[in-house]
Amino acid sequence: MSANGVKPEIRPVPRSEWRPLPFAGCINVESKALLRLPQLSIAMLRFQPGGTIHEHAAAIDIDVICLEGQGLTSLDGRSAPIQAGEQVRWPAGIPHRLWTTGSGMTTLMVEHTPT
């Protein structure tokens, strides 16, 4: 216990096991939910070669951070490669997509929910 009496609160993450994304149009992509707060959610996505998240818009801003591998992202129909060590922001309301071709990729997804 610290000097002010505060003890660390250890809690489980929302979903620590890899599970397939349950959305139509999502193929060969698994996720883990790491943190859910009213204003912020963090998840990891793991793409197999040929994995894809269908094009869609979200009501919130999302930051995508590529941790391993490489793939492609699109924003409002314009695509660009993304690889380990790079990030992209998907602004709210704009259609976006993420996919891989010949290699796998692991990303960290940071969803910003307005409070």
PDB file of N, CA and C in Angstrom:
ATOM      1  N   MET A   1       0.844  -1.172   0.000  1.00  0.00           N
ATOM      2  CA  MET A   1       0.000   0.000   0.000  1.00  0.00           C
ATOM      3  C   MET A   1       0.894   1.241   0.000  1.00  0.00           C
ATOM      4  N   SER A   2       0.488   2.259  -0.739  1.00  0.00           N
ATOM      5  CA  SER A   2       1.274   3.488  -0.810  1.00  0.00           C
ATOM      6  C   SER A   2       1.066   4.332   0.442  1.00  0.00           C
ATOM      7  N   ALA A   3       1.824   5.389   0.542  1.00  0.00           N
ATOM      8  CA  ALA A   3       1.786   6.265   1.708  1.00  0.00           C
ATOM      9  C   ALA A   3       0.400   6.885   1.912  1.00  0.00           C
ATOM     10  N   ASN A   4      -0.355   7.123   0.822  1.00  0.00           N
ATOM     11  CA  ASN A   4      -1.676   7.733   0.983  1.00  0.00           C
ATOM     12  C   ASN A   4      -2.793   6.702   1.106  1.00  0.00           C
ATOM     13  N   GLY A   5      -2.434   5.425   1.192  1.00  0.00           N
ATOM     14  CA  GLY A   5      -3.421   4.372   1.409  1.00  0.00           C
ATOM     15  C   GLY A   5      -4.125   3.863   0.169  1.00  0.00           C
ATOM     16  N   VAL A   6      -3.719   4.275  -1.002  1.00  0.00           N
ATOM     17  CA  VAL A   6      -4.360   3.828  -2.237  1.00  0.00           C
ATOM     18  C   VAL A   6      -3.722   2.515  -2.680  1.00  0.00           C
ATOM     19  N   LYS A   7      -4.561   1.534  -2.934  1.00  0.00           N
ATOM     20  CA  LYS A   7      -4.104   0.216  -3.373  1.00  0.00           C
ATOM     21  C   LYS A   7      -4.415   0.058  -4.861  1.00  0.00           C
ATOM     22  N   PRO A   8      -3.517  -0.537  -5.661  1.00  0.00           N
ATOM     23  CA  PRO A   8      -3.816  -0.740  -7.084  1.00  0.00           C
ATOM     24  C   PRO A   8      -5.072  -1.601  -7.259  1.00  0.00           C
ATOM     25  N   GLU A   9      -5.930  -1.187  -8.185  1.00  0.00           N
ATOM     26  CA  GLU A   9      -7.125  -1.961  -8.494  1.00  0.00           C
ATOM     27  C   GLU A   9      -6.843  -2.791  -9.743  1.00  0.00           C
ATOM     28  N   ILE A  10      -6.638  -4.074  -9.564  1.00  0.00           N
ATOM     29  CA  ILE A  10      -6.349  -4.987 -10.670  1.00  0.00           C
ATOM     30  C   ILE A  10      -7.669  -5.578 -11.153  1.00  0.00           C
ATOM     31  N   ARG A  11      -7.936  -5.402 -12.447  1.00  0.00           N
ATOM     32  CA  ARG A  11      -9.171  -5.901 -13.038  1.00  0.00           C
ATOM     33  C   ARG A  11      -8.848  -6.669 -14.313  1.00  0.00           C
ATOM     34  N   PRO A  12      -9.681  -7.592 -14.707  1.00  0.00           N
ATOM     35  CA  PRO A  12      -9.458  -8.278 -15.986  1.00  0.00           C
ATOM     36  C   PRO A  12      -9.789  -7.351 -17.152  1.00  0.00           C
ATOM     37  N   VAL A  13      -9.159  -7.605 -18.287  1.00  0.00           N
ATOM     38  CA  VAL A  13      -9.524  -6.866 -19.496  1.00  0.00           C
ATOM     39  C   VAL A  13     -10.872  -7.395 -19.979  1.00  0.00           C
ATOM     40  N   PRO A  14     -11.610  -6.622 -20.778  1.00  0.00           N
ATOM     41  CA  PRO A  14     -12.944  -7.058 -21.206  1.00  0.00           C
ATOM     42  C   PRO A  14     -12.960  -8.399 -21.946  1.00  0.00           C
ATOM     43  N   ARG A  15     -11.975  -8.624 -22.832  1.00  0.00           N
ATOM     44  CA  ARG A  15     -11.916  -9.913 -23.544  1.00  0.00           C
ATOM     45  C   ARG A  15     -10.467 -10.181 -23.913  1.00  0.00           C
ATOM     46  N   SER A  16      -9.814 -11.072 -23.185  1.00  0.00           N
ATOM     47  CA  SER A  16      -8.383 -11.312 -23.384  1.00  0.00           C
ATOM     48  C   SER A  16      -8.081 -12.383 -24.426  1.00  0.00           C
ATOM     49  N   GLU A  17      -9.083 -13.127 -24.867  1.00  0.00           N
ATOM     50  CA  GLU A  17      -8.859 -14.170 -25.871  1.00  0.00           C
ATOM     51  C   GLU A  17      -9.149 -13.624 -27.270  1.00  0.00           C
ATOM     52  N   TRP A  18      -8.396 -14.138 -28.249  1.00  0.00           N
ATOM     53  CA  TRP A  18      -8.664 -13.771 -29.646  1.00  0.00           C
ATOM     54  C   TRP A  18      -9.979 -14.400 -30.069  1.00  0.00           C
ATOM     55  N   ARG A  19     -10.847 -13.607 -30.712  1.00  0.00           N
ATOM     56  CA  ARG A  19     -12.116 -14.101 -31.253  1.00  0.00           C
ATOM     57  C   ARG A  19     -12.348 -13.479 -32.619  1.00  0.00           C
ATOM     58  N   PRO A  20     -12.966 -14.233 -33.535  1.00  0.00           N
ATOM     59  CA  PRO A  20     -13.262 -13.656 -34.857  1.00  0.00           C
ATOM     60  C   PRO A  20     -14.181 -12.442 -34.729  1.00  0.00           C
ATOM     61  N   LEU A  21     -13.953 -11.442 -35.573  1.00  0.00           N
ATOM     62  CA  LEU A  21     -14.862 -10.295 -35.600  1.00  0.00           C
ATOM     63  C   LEU A  21     -16.231 -10.782 -36.062  1.00  0.00           C
ATOM     64  N   PRO A  22     -17.292 -10.424 -35.364  1.00  0.00           N
ATOM     65  CA  PRO A  22     -18.614 -10.986 -35.666  1.00  0.00           C
ATOM     66  C   PRO A  22     -19.439 -10.192 -36.674  1.00  0.00           C
ATOM     67  N   PHE A  23     -18.801  -9.369 -37.504  1.00  0.00           N
ATOM     68  CA  PHE A  23     -19.543  -8.519 -38.428  1.00  0.00           C
ATOM     69  C   PHE A  23     -19.493  -9.074 -39.848  1.00  0.00           C
ATOM     70  N   ALA A  24     -20.605  -8.973 -40.555  1.00  0.00           N
ATOM     71  CA  ALA A  24     -20.636  -9.386 -41.959  1.00  0.00           C
ATOM     72  C   ALA A  24     -19.605  -8.565 -42.724  1.00  0.00           C
ATOM     73  N   GLY A  25     -18.858  -9.208 -43.601  1.00  0.00           N
ATOM     74  CA  GLY A  25     -17.843  -8.508 -44.375  1.00  0.00           C
ATOM     75  C   GLY A  25     -16.474  -8.510 -43.726  1.00  0.00           C
ATOM     76  N   CYS A  26     -16.374  -8.980 -42.497  1.00  0.00           N
ATOM     77  CA  CYS A  26     -15.075  -9.112 -41.827  1.00  0.00           C
ATOM     78  C   CYS A  26     -14.611 -10.555 -41.996  1.00  0.00           C
ATOM     79  N   ILE A  27     -13.474 -10.723 -42.657  1.00  0.00           N
ATOM     80  CA  ILE A  27     -12.976 -12.058 -43.001  1.00  0.00           C
ATOM     81  C   ILE A  27     -11.550 -12.209 -42.503  1.00  0.00           C
ATOM     82  N   ASN A  28     -11.274 -13.324 -41.826  1.00  0.00           N
ATOM     83  CA  ASN A  28      -9.925 -13.658 -41.348  1.00  0.00           C
ATOM     84  C   ASN A  28      -9.327 -12.574 -40.447  1.00  0.00           C
ATOM     85  N   VAL A  29     -10.170 -12.017 -39.549  1.00  0.00           N
ATOM     86  CA  VAL A  29      -9.721 -11.009 -38.587  1.00  0.00           C
ATOM     87  C   VAL A  29     -10.225 -11.414 -37.209  1.00  0.00           C
ATOM     88  N   GLU A  30      -9.302 -11.422 -36.240  1.00  0.00           N
ATOM     89  CA  GLU A  30      -9.645 -11.715 -34.854  1.00  0.00           C
ATOM     90  C   GLU A  30      -9.379 -10.480 -34.007  1.00  0.00           C
ATOM     91  N   SER A  31     -10.062 -10.397 -32.860  1.00  0.00           N
ATOM     92  CA  SER A  31      -9.877  -9.232 -31.988  1.00  0.00           C
ATOM     93  C   SER A  31      -9.806  -9.633 -30.522  1.00  0.00           C
ATOM     94  N   LYS A  32      -9.208  -8.723 -29.745  1.00  0.00           N
ATOM     95  CA  LYS A  32      -9.200  -8.774 -28.284  1.00  0.00           C
ATOM     96  C   LYS A  32      -9.650  -7.401 -27.812  1.00  0.00           C
ATOM     97  N   ALA A  33     -10.545  -7.334 -26.839  1.00  0.00           N
ATOM     98  CA  ALA A  33     -10.958  -6.057 -26.249  1.00  0.00           C
ATOM     99  C   ALA A  33     -10.121  -5.843 -24.994  1.00  0.00           C
ATOM    100  N   LEU A  34      -9.324  -4.790 -24.980  1.00  0.00           N
ATOM    101  CA  LEU A  34      -8.388  -4.562 -23.886  1.00  0.00           C
ATOM    102  C   LEU A  34      -8.884  -3.561 -22.846  1.00  0.00           C
ATOM    103  N   LEU A  35      -9.619  -2.530 -23.285  1.00  0.00           N
ATOM    104  CA  LEU A  35     -10.045  -1.481 -22.364  1.00  0.00           C
ATOM    105  C   LEU A  35     -11.344  -0.878 -22.867  1.00  0.00           C
ATOM    106  N   ARG A  36     -12.306  -0.706 -21.962  1.00  0.00           N
ATOM    107  CA  ARG A  36     -13.554  -0.017 -22.299  1.00  0.00           C
ATOM    108  C   ARG A  36     -13.851   0.989 -21.205  1.00  0.00           C
ATOM    109  N   LEU A  37     -13.773   2.249 -21.563  1.00  0.00           N
ATOM    110  CA  LEU A  37     -14.108   3.355 -20.676  1.00  0.00           C
ATOM    111  C   LEU A  37     -15.176   4.189 -21.373  1.00  0.00           C
ATOM    112  N   PRO A  38     -15.892   5.056 -20.654  1.00  0.00           N
ATOM    113  CA  PRO A  38     -16.929   5.857 -21.323  1.00  0.00           C
ATOM    114  C   PRO A  38     -16.403   6.666 -22.508  1.00  0.00           C
ATOM    115  N   GLN A  39     -15.178   7.165 -22.443  1.00  0.00           N
ATOM    116  CA  GLN A  39     -14.653   8.028 -23.494  1.00  0.00           C
ATOM    117  C   GLN A  39     -13.617   7.359 -24.403  1.00  0.00           C
ATOM    118  N   LEU A  40     -13.245   6.104 -24.096  1.00  0.00           N
ATOM    119  CA  LEU A  40     -12.143   5.465 -24.815  1.00  0.00           C
ATOM    120  C   LEU A  40     -12.284   3.951 -24.784  1.00  0.00           C
ATOM    121  N   SER A  41     -12.060   3.318 -25.942  1.00  0.00           N
ATOM    122  CA  SER A  41     -11.989   1.858 -26.025  1.00  0.00           C
ATOM    123  C   SER A  41     -10.733   1.487 -26.788  1.00  0.00           C
ATOM    124  N   ILE A  42     -10.062   0.414 -26.346  1.00  0.00           N
ATOM    125  CA  ILE A  42      -8.847  -0.047 -27.002  1.00  0.00           C
ATOM    126  C   ILE A  42      -8.989  -1.542 -27.288  1.00  0.00           C
ATOM    127  N   ALA A  43      -8.666  -1.925 -28.515  1.00  0.00           N
ATOM    128  CA  ALA A  43      -8.715  -3.329 -28.918  1.00  0.00           C
ATOM    129  C   ALA A  43      -7.520  -3.627 -29.808  1.00  0.00           C
ATOM    130  N   MET A  44      -7.178  -4.898 -29.890  1.00  0.00           N
ATOM    131  CA  MET A  44      -6.174  -5.355 -30.853  1.00  0.00           C
ATOM    132  C   MET A  44      -6.891  -6.147 -31.919  1.00  0.00           C
ATOM    133  N   LEU A  45      -6.455  -5.988 -33.169  1.00  0.00           N
ATOM    134  CA  LEU A  45      -6.971  -6.780 -34.276  1.00  0.00           C
ATOM    135  C   LEU A  45      -5.811  -7.526 -34.899  1.00  0.00           C
ATOM    136  N   ARG A  46      -6.053  -8.784 -35.224  1.00  0.00           N
ATOM    137  CA  ARG A  46      -5.039  -9.621 -35.863  1.00  0.00           C
ATOM    138  C   ARG A  46      -5.602 -10.107 -37.201  1.00  0.00           C
ATOM    139  N   PHE A  47      -4.938  -9.691 -38.275  1.00  0.00           N
ATOM    140  CA  PHE A  47      -5.349 -10.027 -39.642  1.00  0.00           C
ATOM    141  C   PHE A  47      -4.492 -11.171 -40.167  1.00  0.00           C
ATOM    142  N   GLN A  48      -5.123 -12.172 -40.715  1.00  0.00           N
ATOM    143  CA  GLN A  48      -4.413 -13.205 -41.465  1.00  0.00           C
ATOM    144  C   GLN A  48      -4.183 -12.659 -42.878  1.00  0.00           C
ATOM    145  N   PRO A  49      -3.279 -13.255 -43.661  1.00  0.00           N
ATOM    146  CA  PRO A  49      -3.185 -12.841 -45.067  1.00  0.00           C
ATOM    147  C   PRO A  49      -4.562 -12.944 -45.730  1.00  0.00           C
ATOM    148  N   GLY A  50      -4.952 -11.925 -46.448  1.00  0.00           N
ATOM    149  CA  GLY A  50      -6.279 -11.906 -47.064  1.00  0.00           C
ATOM    150  C   GLY A  50      -7.386 -11.498 -46.101  1.00  0.00           C
ATOM    151  N   GLY A  51      -7.030 -10.998 -44.927  1.00  0.00           N
ATOM    152  CA  GLY A  51      -8.030 -10.549 -43.961  1.00  0.00           C
ATOM    153  C   GLY A  51      -8.580  -9.182 -44.337  1.00  0.00           C
ATOM    154  N   THR A  52      -9.831  -8.930 -43.984  1.00  0.00           N
ATOM    155  CA  THR A  52     -10.434  -7.645 -44.325  1.00  0.00           C
ATOM    156  C   THR A  52     -11.512  -7.242 -43.332  1.00  0.00           C
ATOM    157  N   ILE A  53     -11.616  -5.946 -43.139  1.00  0.00           N
ATOM    158  CA  ILE A  53     -12.762  -5.322 -42.488  1.00  0.00           C
ATOM    159  C   ILE A  53     -13.471  -4.547 -43.588  1.00  0.00           C
ATOM    160  N   HIS A  54     -14.748  -4.809 -43.758  1.00  0.00           N
ATOM    161  CA  HIS A  54     -15.528  -4.158 -44.815  1.00  0.00           C
ATOM    162  C   HIS A  54     -15.520  -2.639 -44.659  1.00  0.00           C
ATOM    163  N   GLU A  55     -15.752  -1.950 -45.748  1.00  0.00           N
ATOM    164  CA  GLU A  55     -15.811  -0.493 -45.707  1.00  0.00           C
ATOM    165  C   GLU A  55     -17.082  -0.053 -44.988  1.00  0.00           C
ATOM    166  N   HIS A  56     -16.918   0.852 -44.050  1.00  0.00           N
ATOM    167  CA  HIS A  56     -18.042   1.384 -43.290  1.00  0.00           C
ATOM    168  C   HIS A  56     -17.608   2.688 -42.625  1.00  0.00           C
ATOM    169  N   ALA A  57     -18.564   3.464 -42.184  1.00  0.00           N
ATOM    170  CA  ALA A  57     -18.295   4.684 -41.425  1.00  0.00           C
ATOM    171  C   ALA A  57     -18.621   4.408 -39.962  1.00  0.00           C
ATOM    172  N   ALA A  58     -17.982   5.120 -39.071  1.00  0.00           N
ATOM    173  CA  ALA A  58     -18.270   5.017 -37.637  1.00  0.00           C
ATOM    174  C   ALA A  58     -18.661   6.397 -37.125  1.00  0.00           C
ATOM    175  N   ALA A  59     -19.376   6.420 -36.034  1.00  0.00           N
ATOM    176  CA  ALA A  59     -19.828   7.683 -35.455  1.00  0.00           C
ATOM    177  C   ALA A  59     -18.765   8.331 -34.577  1.00  0.00           C
ATOM    178  N   ILE A  60     -17.605   7.691 -34.461  1.00  0.00           N
ATOM    179  CA  ILE A  60     -16.527   8.173 -33.584  1.00  0.00           C
ATOM    180  C   ILE A  60     -15.206   8.215 -34.339  1.00  0.00           C
ATOM    181  N   ASP A  61     -14.257   8.992 -33.826  1.00  0.00           N
ATOM    182  CA  ASP A  61     -12.889   8.974 -34.360  1.00  0.00           C
ATOM    183  C   ASP A  61     -12.195   7.698 -33.908  1.00  0.00           C
ATOM    184  N   ILE A  62     -11.387   7.112 -34.787  1.00  0.00           N
ATOM    185  CA  ILE A  62     -10.640   5.892 -34.478  1.00  0.00           C
ATOM    186  C   ILE A  62      -9.200   6.074 -34.935  1.00  0.00           C
ATOM    187  N   ASP A  63      -8.258   5.790 -34.044  1.00  0.00           N
ATOM    188  CA  ASP A  63      -6.842   5.744 -34.397  1.00  0.00           C
ATOM    189  C   ASP A  63      -6.447   4.291 -34.573  1.00  0.00           C
ATOM    190  N   VAL A  64      -5.779   3.984 -35.689  1.00  0.00           N
ATOM    191  CA  VAL A  64      -5.288   2.644 -35.989  1.00  0.00           C
ATOM    192  C   VAL A  64      -3.768   2.697 -35.940  1.00  0.00           C
ATOM    193  N   ILE A  65      -3.180   1.860 -35.104  1.00  0.00           N
ATOM    194  CA  ILE A  65      -1.723   1.803 -34.972  1.00  0.00           C
ATOM    195  C   ILE A  65      -1.282   0.419 -35.397  1.00  0.00           C
ATOM    196  N   CYS A  66      -0.469   0.340 -36.427  1.00  0.00           N
ATOM    197  CA  CYS A  66       0.028  -0.941 -36.908  1.00  0.00           C
ATOM    198  C   CYS A  66       1.208  -1.362 -36.024  1.00  0.00           C
ATOM    199  N   LEU A  67       1.051  -2.482 -35.325  1.00  0.00           N
ATOM    200  CA  LEU A  67       2.086  -2.978 -34.415  1.00  0.00           C
ATOM    201  C   LEU A  67       3.036  -3.956 -35.097  1.00  0.00           C
ATOM    202  N   GLU A  68       2.491  -4.801 -35.957  1.00  0.00           N
ATOM    203  CA  GLU A  68       3.292  -5.818 -36.652  1.00  0.00           C
ATOM    204  C   GLU A  68       2.732  -6.020 -38.051  1.00  0.00           C
ATOM    205  N   GLY A  69       3.616  -6.355 -38.985  1.00  0.00           N
ATOM    206  CA  GLY A  69       3.198  -6.691 -40.338  1.00  0.00           C
ATOM    207  C   GLY A  69       2.854  -5.475 -41.164  1.00  0.00           C
ATOM    208  N   GLN A  70       2.019  -5.713 -42.170  1.00  0.00           N
ATOM    209  CA  GLN A  70       1.632  -4.642 -43.080  1.00  0.00           C
ATOM    210  C   GLN A  70       0.307  -4.964 -43.739  1.00  0.00           C
ATOM    211  N   GLY A  71      -0.346  -3.919 -44.213  1.00  0.00           N
ATOM    212  CA  GLY A  71      -1.610  -4.079 -44.898  1.00  0.00           C
ATOM    213  C   GLY A  71      -1.964  -2.808 -45.632  1.00  0.00           C
ATOM    214  N   LEU A  72      -3.248  -2.613 -45.822  1.00  0.00           N
ATOM    215  CA  LEU A  72      -3.754  -1.441 -46.533  1.00  0.00           C
ATOM    216  C   LEU A  72      -4.917  -0.858 -45.756  1.00  0.00           C
ATOM    217  N   THR A  73      -5.073   0.449 -45.890  1.00  0.00           N
ATOM    218  CA  THR A  73      -6.212   1.128 -45.300  1.00  0.00           C
ATOM    219  C   THR A  73      -6.809   2.053 -46.349  1.00  0.00           C
ATOM    220  N   SER A  74      -8.081   2.338 -46.196  1.00  0.00           N
ATOM    221  CA  SER A  74      -8.697   3.333 -47.074  1.00  0.00           C
ATOM    222  C   SER A  74      -9.519   4.288 -46.227  1.00  0.00           C
ATOM    223  N   LEU A  75      -9.642   5.485 -46.729  1.00  0.00           N
ATOM    224  CA  LEU A  75     -10.435   6.534 -46.098  1.00  0.00           C
ATOM    225  C   LEU A  75     -11.152   7.266 -47.212  1.00  0.00           C
ATOM    226  N   ASP A  76     -12.461   7.217 -47.175  1.00  0.00           N
ATOM    227  CA  ASP A  76     -13.285   7.876 -48.181  1.00  0.00           C
ATOM    228  C   ASP A  76     -12.904   7.442 -49.599  1.00  0.00           C
ATOM    229  N   GLY A  77     -12.596   6.140 -49.750  1.00  0.00           N
ATOM    230  CA  GLY A  77     -12.294   5.572 -51.054  1.00  0.00           C
ATOM    231  C   GLY A  77     -10.856   5.695 -51.517  1.00  0.00           C
ATOM    232  N   ARG A  78      -9.985   6.363 -50.755  1.00  0.00           N
ATOM    233  CA  ARG A  78      -8.573   6.515 -51.132  1.00  0.00           C
ATOM    234  C   ARG A  78      -7.748   5.579 -50.259  1.00  0.00           C
ATOM    235  N   SER A  79      -6.970   4.706 -50.899  1.00  0.00           N
ATOM    236  CA  SER A  79      -6.224   3.697 -50.148  1.00  0.00           C
ATOM    237  C   SER A  79      -4.745   4.068 -50.024  1.00  0.00           C
ATOM    238  N   ALA A  80      -4.117   3.478 -49.000  1.00  0.00           N
ATOM    239  CA  ALA A  80      -2.694   3.692 -48.744  1.00  0.00           C
ATOM    240  C   ALA A  80      -2.165   2.493 -47.972  1.00  0.00           C
ATOM    241  N   PRO A  81      -0.890   2.140 -48.184  1.00  0.00           N
ATOM    242  CA  PRO A  81      -0.295   1.063 -47.389  1.00  0.00           C
ATOM    243  C   PRO A  81      -0.034   1.534 -45.960  1.00  0.00           C
ATOM    244  N   ILE A  82      -0.063   0.598 -45.030  1.00  0.00           N
ATOM    245  CA  ILE A  82       0.291   0.874 -43.637  1.00  0.00           C
ATOM    246  C   ILE A  82       1.128  -0.295 -43.135  1.00  0.00           C
ATOM    247  N   GLN A  83       2.158   0.006 -42.363  1.00  0.00           N
ATOM    248  CA  GLN A  83       3.046  -1.050 -41.869  1.00  0.00           C
ATOM    249  C   GLN A  83       3.413  -0.785 -40.414  1.00  0.00           C
ATOM    250  N   ALA A  84       4.080  -1.765 -39.798  1.00  0.00           N
ATOM    251  CA  ALA A  84       4.474  -1.656 -38.398  1.00  0.00           C
ATOM    252  C   ALA A  84       5.172  -0.323 -38.150  1.00  0.00           C
ATOM    253  N   GLY A  85       4.771   0.344 -37.071  1.00  0.00           N
ATOM    254  CA  GLY A  85       5.353   1.630 -36.716  1.00  0.00           C
ATOM    255  C   GLY A  85       4.614   2.825 -37.280  1.00  0.00           C
ATOM    256  N   GLU A  86       3.526   2.595 -38.015  1.00  0.00           N
ATOM    257  CA  GLU A  86       2.750   3.691 -38.592  1.00  0.00           C
ATOM    258  C   GLU A  86       1.340   3.695 -38.016  1.00  0.00           C
ATOM    259  N   GLN A  87       0.689   4.860 -38.137  1.00  0.00           N
ATOM    260  CA  GLN A  87      -0.678   4.999 -37.649  1.00  0.00           C
ATOM    261  C   GLN A  87      -1.501   5.834 -38.613  1.00  0.00           C
ATOM    262  N   VAL A  88      -2.809   5.683 -38.504  1.00  0.00           N
ATOM    263  CA  VAL A  88      -3.734   6.466 -39.316  1.00  0.00           C
ATOM    264  C   VAL A  88      -4.946   6.795 -38.449  1.00  0.00           C
ATOM    265  N   ARG A  89      -5.543   7.958 -38.693  1.00  0.00           N
ATOM    266  CA  ARG A  89      -6.785   8.318 -37.995  1.00  0.00           C
ATOM    267  C   ARG A  89      -7.933   8.242 -38.981  1.00  0.00           C
ATOM    268  N   TRP A  90      -9.012   7.581 -38.543  1.00  0.00           N
ATOM    269  CA  TRP A  90     -10.254   7.549 -39.289  1.00  0.00           C
ATOM    270  C   TRP A  90     -11.223   8.508 -38.604  1.00  0.00           C
ATOM    271  N   PRO A  91     -11.481   9.677 -39.179  1.00  0.00           N
ATOM    272  CA  PRO A  91     -12.419  10.618 -38.560  1.00  0.00           C
ATOM    273  C   PRO A  91     -13.853  10.079 -38.583  1.00  0.00           C
ATOM    274  N   ALA A  92     -14.632  10.494 -37.622  1.00  0.00           N
ATOM    275  CA  ALA A  92     -16.038  10.096 -37.529  1.00  0.00           C
ATOM    276  C   ALA A  92     -16.784  10.439 -38.809  1.00  0.00           C
ATOM    277  N   GLY A  93     -17.659   9.523 -39.209  1.00  0.00           N
ATOM    278  CA  GLY A  93     -18.545   9.775 -40.336  1.00  0.00           C
ATOM    279  C   GLY A  93     -17.969   9.523 -41.709  1.00  0.00           C
ATOM    280  N   ILE A  94     -16.684   9.168 -41.815  1.00  0.00           N
ATOM    281  CA  ILE A  94     -16.069   8.951 -43.125  1.00  0.00           C
ATOM    282  C   ILE A  94     -15.842   7.452 -43.328  1.00  0.00           C
ATOM    283  N   PRO A  95     -16.279   6.894 -44.457  1.00  0.00           N
ATOM    284  CA  PRO A  95     -16.086   5.466 -44.694  1.00  0.00           C
ATOM    285  C   PRO A  95     -14.595   5.090 -44.678  1.00  0.00           C
ATOM    286  N   HIS A  96     -14.296   3.966 -44.045  1.00  0.00           N
ATOM    287  CA  HIS A  96     -12.913   3.491 -43.926  1.00  0.00           C
ATOM    288  C   HIS A  96     -12.888   1.972 -44.027  1.00  0.00           C
ATOM    289  N   ARG A  97     -11.697   1.458 -44.260  1.00  0.00           N
ATOM    290  CA  ARG A  97     -11.519   0.011 -44.418  1.00  0.00           C
ATOM    291  C   ARG A  97     -10.088  -0.334 -44.055  1.00  0.00           C
ATOM    292  N   LEU A  98      -9.844  -1.597 -43.674  1.00  0.00           N
ATOM    293  CA  LEU A  98      -8.511  -2.093 -43.350  1.00  0.00           C
ATOM    294  C   LEU A  98      -8.427  -3.522 -43.850  1.00  0.00           C
ATOM    295  N   TRP A  99      -7.297  -3.882 -44.544  1.00  0.00           N
ATOM    296  CA  TRP A  99      -7.182  -5.232 -45.075  1.00  0.00           C
ATOM    297  C   TRP A  99      -5.722  -5.591 -45.319  1.00  0.00           C
ATOM    298  N   THR A 100      -5.511  -6.892 -45.533  1.00  0.00           N
ATOM    299  CA  THR A 100      -4.185  -7.405 -45.872  1.00  0.00           C
ATOM    300  C   THR A 100      -4.280  -8.192 -47.163  1.00  0.00           C
ATOM    301  N   THR A 101      -3.129  -8.354 -47.802  1.00  0.00           N
ATOM    302  CA  THR A 101      -3.073  -9.192 -49.009  1.00  0.00           C
ATOM    303  C   THR A 101      -2.208 -10.408 -48.690  1.00  0.00           C
ATOM    304  N   GLY A 102      -0.914 -10.339 -48.956  1.00  0.00           N
ATOM    305  CA  GLY A 102      -0.045 -11.508 -48.808  1.00  0.00           C
ATOM    306  C   GLY A 102       0.604 -11.688 -47.452  1.00  0.00           C
ATOM    307  N   SER A 103       0.376 -10.785 -46.509  1.00  0.00           N
ATOM    308  CA  SER A 103       1.000 -10.936 -45.191  1.00  0.00           C
ATOM    309  C   SER A 103      -0.037 -10.678 -44.106  1.00  0.00           C
ATOM    310  N   GLY A 104       0.326 -11.001 -42.874  1.00  0.00           N
ATOM    311  CA  GLY A 104      -0.536 -10.729 -41.739  1.00  0.00           C
ATOM    312  C   GLY A 104      -0.248  -9.350 -41.161  1.00  0.00           C
ATOM    313  N   MET A 105      -1.071  -8.935 -40.200  1.00  0.00           N
ATOM    314  CA  MET A 105      -0.899  -7.630 -39.577  1.00  0.00           C
ATOM    315  C   MET A 105      -1.599  -7.655 -38.221  1.00  0.00           C
ATOM    316  N   THR A 106      -0.997  -6.976 -37.243  1.00  0.00           N
ATOM    317  CA  THR A 106      -1.625  -6.774 -35.937  1.00  0.00           C
ATOM    318  C   THR A 106      -1.721  -5.279 -35.692  1.00  0.00           C
ATOM    319  N   THR A 107      -2.908  -4.825 -35.289  1.00  0.00           N
ATOM    320  CA  THR A 107      -3.131  -3.394 -35.056  1.00  0.00           C
ATOM    321  C   THR A 107      -3.713  -3.157 -33.678  1.00  0.00           C
ATOM    322  N   LEU A 108      -3.482  -1.961 -33.189  1.00  0.00           N
ATOM    323  CA  LEU A 108      -4.114  -1.462 -31.988  1.00  0.00           C
ATOM    324  C   LEU A 108      -5.154  -0.438 -32.433  1.00  0.00           C
ATOM    325  N   MET A 109      -6.384  -0.625 -31.994  1.00  0.00           N
ATOM    326  CA  MET A 109      -7.477   0.255 -32.385  1.00  0.00           C
ATOM    327  C   MET A 109      -7.876   1.089 -31.161  1.00  0.00           C
ATOM    328  N   VAL A 110      -7.849   2.407 -31.302  1.00  0.00           N
ATOM    329  CA  VAL A 110      -8.191   3.311 -30.212  1.00  0.00           C
ATOM    330  C   VAL A 110      -9.433   4.096 -30.647  1.00  0.00           C
ATOM    331  N   GLU A 111     -10.555   3.830 -30.003  1.00  0.00           N
ATOM    332  CA  GLU A 111     -11.820   4.476 -30.335  1.00  0.00           C
ATOM    333  C   GLU A 111     -12.090   5.589 -29.327  1.00  0.00           C
ATOM    334  N   HIS A 112     -12.333   6.792 -29.848  1.00  0.00           N
ATOM    335  CA  HIS A 112     -12.547   7.979 -29.018  1.00  0.00           C
ATOM    336  C   HIS A 112     -14.036   8.310 -28.995  1.00  0.00           C
ATOM    337  N   THR A 113     -14.673   8.108 -27.868  1.00  0.00           N
ATOM    338  CA  THR A 113     -16.098   8.379 -27.725  1.00  0.00           C
ATOM    339  C   THR A 113     -16.283   9.722 -27.038  1.00  0.00           C
ATOM    340  N   PRO A 114     -16.997  10.654 -27.664  1.00  0.00           N
ATOM    341  CA  PRO A 114     -17.210  11.951 -26.997  1.00  0.00           C
ATOM    342  C   PRO A 114     -17.979  11.761 -25.685  1.00  0.00           C
ATOM    343  N   THR A 115     -17.626  12.567 -24.713  1.00  0.00           N
ATOM    344  CA  THR A 115     -18.324  12.469 -23.413  1.00  0.00           C
ATOM    345  C   THR A 115     -19.300  13.593 -23.227  1.00  0.00           C
TER     346      THR A 115
END
